[in-house]
Amino acid sequence: MTGTHTDLDGFDILDPEVQQCPHLYYSAMRDSCPVFPTEAAGTEFYLISRHEDVMQVLMDPETFSSKFGRSGLPPSEEAIRRLAEVQKELGAYRRRDTLLTVDPPEHTRYRKLVSRAFTSRAIAELEPFIRNLSNDLIGRFLPAGRCEFVEEFAVPLPVATIARALNVPGDRLEDFKRWSDDAIAGTGRHLTVDEQVECEKSIIEFQHYFAEQLDQRRAEPRNDILTNLVQARIDVQEDPDLPDEPLSTEEILSILQQILVAGNETTTKLLAEAMLLLSDRPEIWNQLQTDPTMAGRVVEESLRLSSPTQGMWRIATRDVDVA
């Protein structure tokens, strides 16, 4: 897209062309319609574009709830029927709302628990692996003097890192990546019913793999994140004298699926977007090579300009005015 302004006639946030370059549309919304009514897959909703309005929404979970389920857009009746058939046939675990799809105080409890599972020691132990893997990936394409950056670096680095953190063996990396892709396949685009069914099969495969791993950790604990989650206890009681409860398998599977996506897909997109931004700004690239301490600022600015997550769903629990 070129130019400095665009109108919003026929604007579709899920249009692939819009997703490729949304900034002019964002600017147009902020200028002319900061609370923009739109529709996708038969569902009406609003796009909130101004910073102060976005903060109003995010800071008021009682009015703007995160309990939107697996997606902000409901599936069709045919999809509901076929998905239920697949879930019954393959023995799907019940989906539990945990991190992304709950509000405080439940969200706070889950977040604290997961933070404790990802101890500073566990994260620090990953650093040598990440450095060695990065050098290895670069070494593979360095002699050629060029690379397909996403395929050869931005995808394998986070996939292998998260897999390492969760003790997934190397021969399951392709499955690990497929599970991640299928878990968010409907984000940012419409899926056919057949596509939804295939993604559901993949997610159930993910569930069964990790459910078996969790059973192993219960029987034979290890010094790893899965064991930390199995042994974690969450305060769900009103009476402080009652004992805290362990997470259920369904809760841990929900958390693991979100970790898989958050640590994998978003990192791939950030790496790709940062490289694209740097390639368009050779002077910044040269400064970064001269002064590697700029890396933190480059990452933060890349996140600001090209965030891997372009929006979040919220459901209004009451009539409310915004903007």
Foldseek 3Di string as FASTA:
>chain_A
DDDQADECVVPDQLPPVCLVPVVRVLVNCVVPNQFAWDDDPHDIHTHHRDPVLVCVLVVCCVFWPLQCPLDVDDDDPVLVVLLVVLCVVLVFDDADDAARRGDPPRNVQRVVLLCVLCDPVLVVVLVVVLVVVQVVLCVVCVVVVDDPPLVSPLQPRLLVSLCVQVVNDPVCSVLLSLLLCLSCVPPSHDDDSVSVNVSSNSLRVLLVVVLVVLVVCVVPNDPGSSVSLQPTFTDPDPDPVDDTHHDDSNNVSNVSSCCSNVRGVQSSQLVVQLVVVCVVPVVVVVVCVVPVVCVVVSSVVSCVVPGSDPDGHIDGPDDDDTD
